Protein backbone atom coordinates (compact mmCIF):
# COMPACT_ATOMS: atom_id res chain seq x y z
CA MET A 1 96.84 102.89 50.82
CA ILE A 2 93.97 101.37 52.82
CA LYS A 3 92.66 103.88 55.36
CA ALA A 4 89.80 101.86 56.82
CA VAL A 5 88.25 98.41 56.82
CA VAL A 6 84.61 97.86 57.69
CA PHE A 7 83.37 94.53 59.02
CA ASP A 8 79.61 94.11 58.85
CA LEU A 9 78.97 90.80 60.57
CA ASP A 10 75.50 91.57 61.87
CA GLY A 11 73.82 92.57 58.61
CA THR A 12 73.61 96.31 59.30
CA LEU A 13 75.04 97.40 55.95
CA VAL A 14 74.41 94.35 53.76
CA PRO A 15 72.29 91.24 54.24
CA PHE A 16 74.12 88.38 55.95
CA THR A 17 73.07 85.26 54.03
CA LEU A 18 75.71 82.76 55.11
CA ASP A 19 74.17 79.69 56.74
CA VAL A 20 76.54 79.45 59.71
CA ASN A 21 75.04 76.23 61.06
CA LYS A 22 75.40 74.53 57.67
CA CYS A 23 79.05 75.65 57.50
CA ARG A 24 79.73 74.30 60.98
CA THR A 25 78.03 71.02 60.10
CA GLN A 26 80.20 70.69 57.00
CA ILE A 27 83.34 71.44 59.02
CA ILE A 28 82.41 68.79 61.57
CA GLN A 29 81.69 66.26 58.82
CA SER A 30 85.07 66.93 57.26
CA LEU A 31 86.81 66.45 60.61
CA ILE A 32 84.94 63.20 61.26
CA GLU A 33 86.06 61.98 57.82
CA GLN A 34 89.62 62.67 59.00
CA ASN A 35 89.01 60.25 61.90
CA PHE A 36 88.35 62.75 64.67
CA PRO A 37 85.67 61.63 67.14
CA SER A 38 82.33 63.34 66.53
CA SER A 39 81.94 63.79 70.28
CA LEU A 40 84.63 66.51 70.18
CA PHE A 41 82.49 68.94 68.21
CA SER A 42 79.24 70.85 68.41
CA THR A 43 77.49 73.12 65.92
CA LYS A 44 77.15 75.60 68.78
CA GLU A 45 80.88 76.36 68.80
CA THR A 46 82.96 78.38 66.36
CA ALA A 47 85.35 76.88 63.84
CA PHE A 48 88.17 78.45 65.85
CA ASP A 49 87.02 76.59 68.98
CA MET A 50 86.93 73.37 66.97
CA LEU A 51 90.52 73.97 65.85
CA LEU A 52 91.60 74.47 69.46
CA LYS A 53 90.01 71.14 70.36
CA ILE A 54 91.76 69.43 67.44
CA LYS A 55 95.12 70.84 68.52
CA LYS A 56 94.58 69.62 72.09
CA TYR A 57 93.37 66.21 70.87
CA LEU A 58 96.38 65.76 68.60
CA LYS A 59 98.73 66.77 71.41
CA THR A 60 97.26 64.11 73.72
CA LYS A 61 97.81 61.54 70.94
CA GLY A 62 101.46 62.57 70.55
CA SER A 63 100.87 63.79 67.02
CA GLU A 64 103.30 66.11 65.28
CA GLU A 65 102.59 69.84 64.84
CA GLN A 66 102.67 69.30 61.07
CA ASN A 67 99.49 67.20 61.31
CA PHE A 68 97.66 70.14 62.88
CA ILE A 69 99.01 72.54 60.28
CA THR A 70 97.80 70.23 57.51
CA ILE A 71 94.28 70.19 58.92
C-alpha cells in the first residue's frame, strides 16, 4: 500500500534537468504539424494551457470531441 507520494518539481531533493522550454517547443511544433495555427501557442504557457486552447479552437471549428481526444 502506498502511504505517501513526494513530488519534487523544484529540484530540492534531486536535480531537475528537464529542458521545459525545449519540451514546449516540441509540443508546439507537433501541433503546428497537425495544422493548428502557430499563433495559438506560446512557449510561456503550460502544455495544459495549450490543450485548453486546442479544445476551444476545435469547438469553434465544429470539430468532434473524438478529434480532441486523439490529440
